[in-house]
N, C-alpha and C. Protein backbone atom coordinates (compact mmCIF):
# COMPACT_ATOMS: atom_id res chain seq x y z
N MET A 1 -19.88 -95.46 -12.39
CA MET A 1 -18.75 -95.92 -12.02
C MET A 1 -17.99 -94.59 -11.84
N LYS A 2 -17.61 -94.30 -11.15
CA LYS A 2 -16.75 -92.65 -10.44
C LYS A 2 -15.66 -92.55 -11.35
N LYS A 3 -15.14 -91.78 -11.41
CA LYS A 3 -14.23 -91.29 -12.69
C LYS A 3 -13.11 -90.49 -11.74
N ASP A 4 -11.65 -91.13 -11.33
CA ASP A 4 -10.43 -90.05 -10.84
C ASP A 4 -10.08 -89.56 -12.13
N PHE A 5 -9.84 -88.55 -12.43
CA PHE A 5 -9.09 -87.67 -13.62
C PHE A 5 -8.16 -87.60 -12.79
N HIS A 6 -6.82 -87.61 -14.12
CA HIS A 6 -4.83 -87.38 -13.35
C HIS A 6 -4.68 -86.54 -13.88
N SER A 7 -4.29 -85.40 -13.72
CA SER A 7 -3.44 -84.49 -14.56
C SER A 7 -2.00 -85.22 -14.64
N TRP A 8 -1.02 -84.59 -16.06
CA TRP A 8 0.44 -84.71 -16.01
C TRP A 8 1.16 -85.29 -14.82
N GLU A 9 0.55 -83.50 -13.93
CA GLU A 9 1.77 -83.58 -12.76
C GLU A 9 1.40 -84.43 -11.39
N ARG A 10 0.11 -84.72 -11.62
CA ARG A 10 -0.27 -85.74 -10.45
C ARG A 10 0.69 -87.06 -11.00
N ILE A 11 0.62 -87.23 -12.04
CA ILE A 11 1.37 -88.71 -12.63
C ILE A 11 2.86 -88.87 -12.34
N GLU A 12 3.00 -87.60 -12.73
CA GLU A 12 4.66 -87.11 -12.72
C GLU A 12 4.69 -87.43 -10.91
N GLU A 13 4.40 -86.80 -10.32
CA GLU A 13 4.26 -87.15 -8.41
C GLU A 13 4.34 -88.93 -8.33
N LEU A 14 2.76 -89.23 -8.90
CA LEU A 14 2.99 -90.56 -8.26
C LEU A 14 3.74 -91.62 -8.97
N THR A 15 4.66 -91.37 -9.77
CA THR A 15 5.51 -91.97 -10.42
C THR A 15 6.90 -92.17 -9.86
N ARG A 16 7.03 -91.14 -9.37
CA ARG A 16 7.98 -90.26 -8.08
C ARG A 16 8.03 -90.96 -6.80
N GLU A 17 6.50 -91.37 -6.55
CA GLU A 17 6.16 -91.90 -5.25
C GLU A 17 6.79 -93.70 -5.44
N LEU A 18 6.31 -94.37 -6.61
CA LEU A 18 6.68 -95.55 -6.69
C LEU A 18 7.98 -95.90 -6.87
N VAL A 19 8.96 -94.80 -7.78
CA VAL A 19 10.23 -95.41 -8.14
C VAL A 19 11.02 -95.32 -6.30
N LYS A 20 10.30 -95.01 -5.43
CA LYS A 20 11.41 -94.60 -4.43
C LYS A 20 11.19 -96.35 -3.88
N GLN A 21 10.09 -97.34 -4.30
CA GLN A 21 9.92 -98.34 -3.45
C GLN A 21 11.18 -99.35 -4.02
N ILE A 22 11.49 -99.05 -5.05
CA ILE A 22 12.20 -100.04 -6.37
C ILE A 22 13.89 -99.64 -6.24
N ASP A 23 14.27 -100.71 -5.77
CA ASP A 23 16.01 -100.88 -6.27
C ASP A 23 16.53 -100.95 -7.33
N PRO A 24 16.91 -99.78 -8.40
CA PRO A 24 17.28 -100.53 -9.42
C PRO A 24 18.28 -101.30 -10.02
N SER A 25 18.97 -101.30 -8.98
CA SER A 25 19.97 -102.92 -8.90
C SER A 25 19.65 -103.99 -9.18
N ARG A 26 18.22 -104.13 -8.77
CA ARG A 26 17.75 -106.01 -8.75
C ARG A 26 17.53 -105.72 -10.14
N TYR A 27 17.07 -105.01 -11.34
CA TYR A 27 16.40 -105.08 -12.79
C TYR A 27 17.40 -104.33 -13.28
N ASP A 28 17.40 -105.70 -15.02
CA ASP A 28 18.00 -105.87 -16.02
C ASP A 28 17.48 -104.99 -16.94
N ALA A 29 16.10 -104.68 -17.12
CA ALA A 29 15.00 -103.95 -18.04
C ALA A 29 13.67 -103.75 -17.77
N VAL A 30 13.24 -102.66 -18.38
CA VAL A 30 11.81 -102.49 -17.69
C VAL A 30 10.79 -103.09 -19.14
N LEU A 31 9.82 -103.37 -18.96
CA LEU A 31 9.11 -104.13 -19.35
C LEU A 31 7.78 -103.29 -19.45
N ALA A 32 7.30 -102.67 -20.35
CA ALA A 32 6.46 -101.44 -20.65
C ALA A 32 4.90 -102.01 -20.94
N ILE A 33 3.86 -102.38 -20.48
CA ILE A 33 2.51 -103.11 -21.16
C ILE A 33 1.94 -101.76 -21.99
N THR A 34 1.98 -102.38 -23.13
CA THR A 34 1.06 -100.97 -24.11
C THR A 34 -0.46 -101.23 -23.58
N ARG A 35 -1.22 -100.22 -24.01
CA ARG A 35 -0.74 -98.95 -23.81
C ARG A 35 -0.65 -98.13 -23.11
N GLY A 36 -1.47 -98.78 -22.06
CA GLY A 36 -1.37 -97.59 -20.41
C GLY A 36 -0.04 -97.74 -19.87
N GLY A 37 1.02 -98.80 -19.91
CA GLY A 37 1.63 -98.56 -19.13
C GLY A 37 2.87 -98.17 -19.87
N MET A 38 2.61 -97.51 -21.49
CA MET A 38 3.83 -96.64 -21.73
C MET A 38 4.62 -95.74 -21.09
N ILE A 39 3.75 -94.63 -21.16
CA ILE A 39 4.53 -93.60 -20.26
C ILE A 39 4.55 -94.34 -19.16
N PRO A 40 3.97 -94.37 -18.17
CA PRO A 40 4.93 -95.05 -16.90
C PRO A 40 5.94 -95.70 -16.89
N GLY A 41 5.97 -96.37 -17.68
CA GLY A 41 7.26 -96.98 -17.98
C GLY A 41 8.09 -96.56 -18.66
N CYS A 42 8.33 -95.63 -19.19
CA CYS A 42 9.25 -94.32 -19.72
C CYS A 42 9.61 -93.69 -18.65
N LEU A 43 9.00 -92.88 -18.07
CA LEU A 43 8.78 -92.35 -16.75
C LEU A 43 9.97 -93.45 -15.47
N VAL A 44 9.83 -94.16 -15.31
CA VAL A 44 10.35 -95.08 -14.29
C VAL A 44 11.56 -95.53 -15.05
N SER A 45 11.77 -96.03 -15.87
CA SER A 45 13.08 -95.98 -16.81
C SER A 45 14.21 -95.24 -16.81
N GLU A 46 13.52 -93.57 -16.62
CA GLU A 46 14.24 -92.09 -16.99
C GLU A 46 14.46 -92.26 -15.48
N LEU A 47 13.51 -92.67 -14.62
CA LEU A 47 14.16 -92.13 -12.73
C LEU A 47 15.11 -92.80 -12.16
N LEU A 48 14.91 -94.27 -12.83
CA LEU A 48 16.14 -95.58 -12.35
C LEU A 48 17.19 -96.06 -13.29
N ASP A 49 17.22 -94.88 -14.05
CA ASP A 49 18.35 -94.95 -14.80
C ASP A 49 18.52 -96.47 -15.51
N LEU A 50 17.47 -97.20 -15.66
CA LEU A 50 16.93 -98.19 -16.35
C LEU A 50 17.16 -97.70 -18.56
N ARG A 51 18.27 -98.34 -19.15
CA ARG A 51 18.05 -97.89 -20.13
C ARG A 51 17.33 -99.10 -21.10
N ASN A 52 17.43 -100.25 -20.56
CA ASN A 52 17.21 -101.52 -21.50
C ASN A 52 15.37 -101.33 -21.25
N VAL A 53 14.74 -101.02 -22.24
CA VAL A 53 13.16 -101.13 -22.01
C VAL A 53 12.38 -101.61 -23.16
N LEU A 54 11.86 -102.54 -22.30
CA LEU A 54 11.23 -103.97 -23.33
C LEU A 54 9.17 -103.44 -23.14
N THR A 55 8.54 -103.84 -24.45
CA THR A 55 7.25 -103.63 -24.52
C THR A 55 6.47 -104.72 -24.90
N ALA A 56 5.24 -105.02 -23.95
CA ALA A 56 4.45 -106.23 -24.71
C ALA A 56 3.44 -105.20 -24.89
N ALA A 57 2.79 -105.35 -26.49
CA ALA A 57 1.47 -105.15 -26.65
C ALA A 57 0.66 -105.88 -26.03
N VAL A 58 0.14 -105.88 -24.94
CA VAL A 58 -1.47 -106.72 -24.54
C VAL A 58 -2.77 -105.86 -24.92
N MET A 59 -3.55 -106.75 -25.60
CA MET A 59 -4.70 -105.92 -25.74
C MET A 59 -5.65 -106.55 -24.41
N PHE A 60 -5.92 -106.14 -23.79
CA PHE A 60 -7.67 -106.55 -22.83
C PHE A 60 -8.99 -105.91 -22.43
N TYR A 61 -8.86 -104.75 -22.34
CA TYR A 61 -9.88 -103.33 -22.52
C TYR A 61 -10.00 -103.09 -23.97
N THR A 62 -11.54 -103.19 -23.93
CA THR A 62 -12.02 -103.04 -24.97
C THR A 62 -12.74 -101.38 -24.73
N ASP A 63 -13.35 -101.02 -23.51
CA ASP A 63 -13.95 -99.94 -23.36
C ASP A 63 -14.01 -99.27 -21.21
N VAL A 64 -14.32 -98.57 -21.60
CA VAL A 64 -14.92 -98.36 -19.95
C VAL A 64 -15.45 -99.37 -19.31
N GLY A 65 -14.81 -99.66 -18.44
CA GLY A 65 -15.04 -101.09 -17.68
C GLY A 65 -15.74 -102.28 -18.27
N GLN A 66 -15.11 -102.53 -19.54
CA GLN A 66 -15.38 -103.37 -20.59
C GLN A 66 -13.53 -104.51 -21.20
N THR A 67 -14.09 -105.67 -20.82
CA THR A 67 -12.45 -106.22 -20.88
C THR A 67 -13.05 -107.20 -22.19
N LEU A 68 -11.95 -107.95 -22.41
CA LEU A 68 -11.95 -108.72 -23.26
C LEU A 68 -12.01 -110.27 -22.10
N ASP A 69 -12.21 -111.49 -22.62
CA ASP A 69 -12.11 -112.76 -21.69
C ASP A 69 -10.75 -113.02 -21.23
N GLU A 70 -10.34 -112.85 -21.82
CA GLU A 70 -8.46 -113.20 -21.44
C GLU A 70 -7.55 -111.70 -22.03
N PRO A 71 -6.57 -111.32 -21.65
CA PRO A 71 -5.53 -110.52 -22.34
C PRO A 71 -5.27 -111.71 -23.99
N VAL A 72 -5.26 -110.89 -24.75
CA VAL A 72 -4.48 -111.08 -25.88
C VAL A 72 -2.85 -110.21 -26.35
N PHE A 73 -1.92 -111.04 -26.64
CA PHE A 73 -0.64 -110.86 -26.35
C PHE A 73 -0.88 -110.20 -28.35
N LEU A 74 -0.28 -109.13 -28.12
CA LEU A 74 -0.47 -108.55 -30.66
C LEU A 74 1.36 -108.51 -30.33
N GLN A 75 2.54 -108.84 -29.68
CA GLN A 75 3.49 -108.46 -29.34
C GLN A 75 4.59 -108.67 -28.01
N PHE A 76 5.56 -109.54 -28.13
CA PHE A 76 5.84 -109.47 -27.15
C PHE A 76 7.52 -110.13 -27.47
N PRO A 77 8.50 -109.25 -26.31
CA PRO A 77 10.23 -110.04 -26.36
C PRO A 77 10.28 -111.45 -26.48
N SER A 78 11.39 -111.65 -27.18
CA SER A 78 11.68 -113.08 -27.78
C SER A 78 12.14 -113.53 -26.31
N ASP A 79 11.82 -114.98 -26.02
CA ASP A 79 12.63 -115.58 -24.86
C ASP A 79 13.87 -115.07 -24.70
N ALA A 80 14.79 -114.78 -25.85
CA ALA A 80 16.05 -114.45 -25.57
C ALA A 80 16.71 -113.71 -24.59
N LEU A 81 15.76 -112.57 -24.73
CA LEU A 81 15.82 -110.78 -23.69
C LEU A 81 15.22 -111.41 -23.09
N LEU A 82 14.83 -112.15 -22.39
CA LEU A 82 14.03 -112.27 -20.76
C LEU A 82 14.81 -113.77 -20.01
N VAL A 83 15.20 -114.69 -20.41
CA VAL A 83 15.80 -115.83 -19.83
C VAL A 83 16.99 -115.16 -19.76
N GLY A 84 17.31 -115.36 -17.96
CA GLY A 84 18.24 -115.22 -16.60
C GLY A 84 18.11 -114.13 -16.52
N LYS A 85 16.98 -113.20 -16.99
CA LYS A 85 16.86 -111.79 -16.80
C LYS A 85 15.97 -111.50 -15.61
N ARG A 86 16.10 -109.99 -14.69
CA ARG A 86 15.60 -109.41 -13.93
C ARG A 86 14.32 -108.63 -14.35
N ILE A 87 12.92 -108.61 -14.92
CA ILE A 87 12.65 -107.34 -15.21
C ILE A 87 11.71 -106.84 -14.64
N LEU A 88 11.89 -105.48 -14.00
CA LEU A 88 10.13 -105.09 -14.02
C LEU A 88 9.22 -104.34 -14.71
N VAL A 89 8.01 -105.30 -14.15
CA VAL A 89 7.14 -104.80 -15.60
C VAL A 89 6.26 -103.73 -14.97
N VAL A 90 6.10 -102.67 -15.89
CA VAL A 90 5.33 -101.51 -15.44
C VAL A 90 4.07 -101.71 -16.16
N ASP A 91 3.41 -101.45 -15.58
CA ASP A 91 1.61 -100.99 -16.29
C ASP A 91 1.15 -99.47 -15.37
N ASP A 92 0.02 -99.01 -16.01
CA ASP A 92 -0.69 -97.77 -14.86
C ASP A 92 -1.84 -98.24 -14.14
N VAL A 93 -2.44 -99.63 -14.29
CA VAL A 93 -3.12 -99.93 -13.05
C VAL A 93 -3.27 -101.74 -13.15
N TRP A 94 -3.38 -101.91 -12.41
CA TRP A 94 -3.51 -103.08 -11.72
C TRP A 94 -5.64 -103.38 -10.97
N ASP A 95 -6.29 -103.73 -12.36
CA ASP A 95 -7.46 -103.66 -12.06
C ASP A 95 -8.13 -105.32 -11.69
N SER A 96 -8.06 -105.98 -12.54
CA SER A 96 -8.45 -107.73 -12.80
C SER A 96 -7.48 -107.97 -12.47
N GLY A 97 -6.17 -107.63 -12.79
CA GLY A 97 -4.99 -108.20 -12.12
C GLY A 97 -4.71 -109.44 -13.52
N LYS A 98 -5.32 -109.65 -14.55
CA LYS A 98 -5.54 -110.52 -15.18
C LYS A 98 -4.22 -110.26 -16.25
N THR A 99 -3.67 -109.00 -17.11
CA THR A 99 -2.77 -108.07 -17.43
C THR A 99 -1.06 -108.60 -17.22
N ALA A 100 -1.35 -107.99 -15.88
CA ALA A 100 -0.25 -108.46 -15.11
C ALA A 100 0.35 -109.21 -15.00
N VAL A 101 -0.50 -110.07 -14.96
CA VAL A 101 -0.59 -111.96 -14.46
C VAL A 101 -0.03 -112.78 -15.51
N ALA A 102 -0.62 -112.09 -16.32
CA ALA A 102 -0.50 -112.79 -17.72
C ALA A 102 0.97 -112.78 -18.04
N VAL A 103 1.86 -111.28 -17.96
CA VAL A 103 2.78 -111.17 -19.00
C VAL A 103 3.91 -111.28 -17.54
N ARG A 104 3.43 -111.31 -16.41
CA ARG A 104 4.62 -111.97 -15.50
C ARG A 104 4.74 -113.27 -15.64
N ASP A 105 3.84 -114.13 -15.87
CA ASP A 105 3.66 -115.60 -16.21
C ASP A 105 4.40 -115.88 -17.33
N ARG A 106 4.60 -115.56 -18.37
CA ARG A 106 4.94 -115.14 -19.50
C ARG A 106 6.56 -115.23 -19.61
N ILE A 107 7.14 -114.14 -18.78
CA ILE A 107 8.50 -114.15 -18.32
C ILE A 107 8.88 -114.82 -17.77
N ARG A 108 7.76 -115.41 -17.21
CA ARG A 108 8.39 -116.46 -16.24
C ARG A 108 9.08 -117.94 -16.51
N LYS A 109 7.87 -118.20 -17.28
CA LYS A 109 8.14 -119.34 -18.62
C LYS A 109 8.92 -119.25 -19.50
N ALA A 110 9.41 -117.80 -19.94
CA ALA A 110 10.85 -117.69 -20.86
C ALA A 110 11.65 -117.93 -20.07
N GLY A 111 12.05 -117.93 -18.60
CA GLY A 111 13.19 -117.93 -18.07
C GLY A 111 13.56 -116.98 -17.19
N GLY A 112 13.21 -115.50 -17.31
CA GLY A 112 13.38 -114.54 -16.78
C GLY A 112 12.64 -114.50 -15.28
N GLU A 113 12.97 -113.66 -14.38
CA GLU A 113 11.92 -113.25 -13.07
C GLU A 113 11.53 -111.90 -13.25
N ALA A 114 10.40 -111.71 -12.97
CA ALA A 114 9.58 -110.23 -12.94
C ALA A 114 8.96 -110.22 -11.79
N ASP A 115 8.86 -109.01 -11.58
CA ASP A 115 8.09 -107.98 -10.68
C ASP A 115 7.31 -107.16 -11.43
N VAL A 116 6.03 -106.54 -10.71
CA VAL A 116 5.22 -105.96 -11.30
C VAL A 116 4.98 -104.57 -10.72
N ALA A 117 5.08 -103.22 -11.74
CA ALA A 117 5.05 -101.68 -10.54
C ALA A 117 3.67 -100.99 -11.21
N VAL A 118 2.77 -100.62 -10.70
CA VAL A 118 1.57 -99.97 -11.77
C VAL A 118 1.56 -98.89 -10.34
N ILE A 119 0.94 -97.79 -10.75
CA ILE A 119 0.36 -96.73 -10.44
C ILE A 119 -0.27 -96.93 -9.39
N HIS A 120 -1.54 -97.24 -9.96
CA HIS A 120 -2.91 -97.35 -9.14
C HIS A 120 -3.00 -99.02 -8.98
N PHE A 121 -3.86 -99.79 -7.88
CA PHE A 121 -4.23 -101.20 -7.58
C PHE A 121 -5.76 -100.95 -6.83
N LYS A 122 -6.14 -101.99 -7.90
CA LYS A 122 -7.93 -102.08 -7.31
C LYS A 122 -7.74 -103.20 -6.61
N PRO A 123 -7.84 -103.43 -5.38
CA PRO A 123 -8.49 -104.64 -4.45
C PRO A 123 -9.22 -105.31 -4.91
N ALA A 124 -10.47 -104.27 -5.06
CA ALA A 124 -12.20 -104.75 -4.72
C ALA A 124 -12.07 -105.76 -6.45
N HIS A 125 -11.51 -105.10 -7.04
CA HIS A 125 -11.65 -105.86 -8.65
C HIS A 125 -10.42 -106.93 -9.05
N ASN A 126 -9.86 -107.34 -8.01
CA ASN A 126 -8.83 -107.95 -8.06
C ASN A 126 -9.00 -109.49 -8.43
N LYS A 127 -8.56 -110.22 -9.25
CA LYS A 127 -9.38 -111.90 -9.39
C LYS A 127 -7.93 -112.41 -9.12
N PHE A 128 -7.30 -112.42 -8.27
CA PHE A 128 -6.38 -113.57 -8.29
C PHE A 128 -6.02 -113.32 -6.68
N PRO A 129 -6.89 -113.70 -5.45
CA PRO A 129 -6.42 -113.44 -4.17
C PRO A 129 -5.45 -113.86 -3.85
N GLY A 130 -4.69 -112.77 -2.69
CA GLY A 130 -3.72 -112.84 -2.56
C GLY A 130 -2.04 -112.65 -2.26
N GLN A 131 -2.69 -112.18 -4.00
CA GLN A 131 -1.68 -111.22 -5.20
C GLN A 131 -2.10 -110.46 -5.07
N LYS A 132 -1.29 -109.36 -5.49
CA LYS A 132 -1.24 -107.99 -5.59
C LYS A 132 0.26 -107.51 -6.78
N PRO A 133 0.37 -106.29 -6.83
CA PRO A 133 1.16 -105.63 -7.89
C PRO A 133 2.45 -105.57 -6.17
N ASP A 134 3.68 -106.43 -7.11
CA ASP A 134 5.03 -105.91 -6.04
C ASP A 134 5.66 -104.47 -5.39
N TYR A 135 4.96 -103.34 -6.09
CA TYR A 135 4.95 -102.16 -6.30
C TYR A 135 3.58 -101.48 -6.62
N TYR A 136 3.15 -100.60 -5.84
CA TYR A 136 2.12 -99.43 -6.65
C TYR A 136 1.72 -98.34 -5.36
N VAL A 137 1.52 -96.92 -5.80
CA VAL A 137 1.27 -96.14 -5.14
C VAL A 137 0.06 -95.75 -4.49
N MET A 138 -1.01 -96.01 -5.08
CA MET A 138 -2.68 -95.81 -4.58
C MET A 138 -3.73 -97.04 -4.95
N GLU A 139 -4.09 -97.08 -4.25
CA GLU A 139 -5.20 -97.87 -4.11
C GLU A 139 -6.67 -97.50 -4.17
N THR A 140 -7.66 -98.32 -5.56
CA THR A 140 -8.97 -97.41 -5.50
C THR A 140 -10.00 -98.19 -6.35
N ASP A 141 -11.04 -98.00 -6.17
CA ASP A 141 -12.03 -98.32 -7.05
C ASP A 141 -12.03 -97.82 -7.88
N ASP A 142 -12.28 -96.56 -8.17
CA ASP A 142 -12.58 -95.69 -9.16
C ASP A 142 -11.81 -95.67 -10.60
N TRP A 143 -12.69 -95.19 -11.50
CA TRP A 143 -12.48 -95.79 -12.78
C TRP A 143 -11.06 -94.37 -13.26
N ILE A 144 -10.41 -95.05 -13.07
CA ILE A 144 -8.44 -93.40 -13.56
C ILE A 144 -8.86 -93.13 -15.13
N VAL A 145 -8.71 -91.79 -15.28
CA VAL A 145 -8.85 -91.38 -16.35
C VAL A 145 -7.51 -90.85 -16.66
N TYR A 146 -6.36 -91.41 -17.25
CA TYR A 146 -5.67 -90.67 -17.08
C TYR A 146 -5.04 -89.83 -18.08
N PRO A 147 -3.72 -88.97 -18.18
CA PRO A 147 -3.93 -87.62 -19.01
C PRO A 147 -3.48 -88.35 -20.61
N TRP A 148 -2.80 -89.38 -20.71
CA TRP A 148 -2.98 -89.72 -22.30
C TRP A 148 -4.20 -90.57 -22.87
N ASP A 149 -5.51 -90.51 -22.19
CA ASP A 149 -6.54 -90.91 -22.29
C ASP A 149 -6.93 -90.47 -23.47
N PRO A 150 -7.11 -90.95 -24.54
CA PRO A 150 -7.62 -90.15 -25.70
C PRO A 150 -9.30 -90.20 -26.03
N GLU A 151 -10.09 -90.41 -24.77
CA GLU A 151 -11.58 -90.05 -24.40
C GLU A 151 -11.48 -88.84 -22.89
N ARG A 152 -10.47 -88.34 -23.01
CA ARG A 152 -10.90 -88.03 -21.29
C ARG A 152 -11.29 -86.41 -21.44
N ASP A 153 -11.27 -85.75 -22.93
CA ASP A 153 -12.10 -84.85 -23.15
C ASP A 153 -13.50 -84.79 -22.82
N ARG A 154 -13.80 -86.07 -23.77
CA ARG A 154 -15.58 -86.35 -23.87
C ARG A 154 -15.83 -86.92 -22.41
N LEU A 155 -15.33 -87.90 -21.81
CA LEU A 155 -15.62 -88.53 -20.55
C LEU A 155 -15.70 -86.94 -19.28
N LEU A 156 -14.47 -85.99 -19.63
CA LEU A 156 -14.53 -85.20 -18.39
C LEU A 156 -15.94 -83.92 -18.80
N GLU A 157 -16.32 -84.21 -20.29
CA GLU A 157 -17.68 -83.10 -20.39
C GLU A 157 -18.93 -83.90 -20.00
N GLU A 158 -18.44 -85.11 -19.81
CA GLU A 158 -20.00 -86.22 -19.42
C GLU A 158 -19.87 -85.56 -18.04
N GLU A 159 -18.86 -85.65 -17.42
CA GLU A 159 -18.53 -86.18 -15.76
C GLU A 159 -19.00 -84.21 -15.30
N ARG A 160 -18.78 -83.17 -15.99
CA ARG A 160 -19.60 -81.91 -15.82
C ARG A 160 -20.53 -81.89 -16.21
N ALA A 161 -21.53 -82.55 -16.78
CA ALA A 161 -22.67 -82.23 -17.63
C ALA A 161 -23.60 -82.95 -15.92
N GLN A 162 -23.02 -84.10 -15.68
CA GLN A 162 -23.74 -84.94 -14.41
C GLN A 162 -23.39 -84.09 -13.46
N GLY A 163 -22.68 -83.59 -13.08
CA GLY A 163 -22.52 -82.54 -11.93
C GLY A 163 -23.81 -81.55 -11.96
N GLU A 164 -23.77 -80.97 -13.66
CA GLU A 164 -24.48 -80.11 -13.12
C GLU A 164 -26.15 -80.08 -13.14
N GLU A 165 -26.26 -81.26 -13.66
CA GLU A 165 -28.08 -81.97 -13.07
C GLU A 165 -28.49 -81.83 -12.13
């Protein structure tokens, strides 16, 4: 699988492009999906001046290209924080869409409204025909390596070694 390495500067640039699409007056809160959505969620909340930031700890990926069958919720805001609220769900990538859709559906079941914003959208991997993020900046099929990925240095070395062969 081809890997696309992003710098901090590139993530800042893409996030600025993302927030140009979003009207902050539509939302009461940002909900960042851990772990990949934490940094984009913070950047989005700062750029849109949305101070109510929630988190949903969701586990789905176990390694590069490896996932669980379904997302597992490790922590989620209580229904009382979501009922009647307009929530902007932020994650780094919509790959299969399973995580974003599970989070969005859970917010809706709690009585809130939810839209999804991501930096990267992978339409070829999407498991929800006719659905996509409400806001996104780039479409790709590559494995995105973000600057906060703890395996970034190892993956970069592997990529360099393969390029030298």
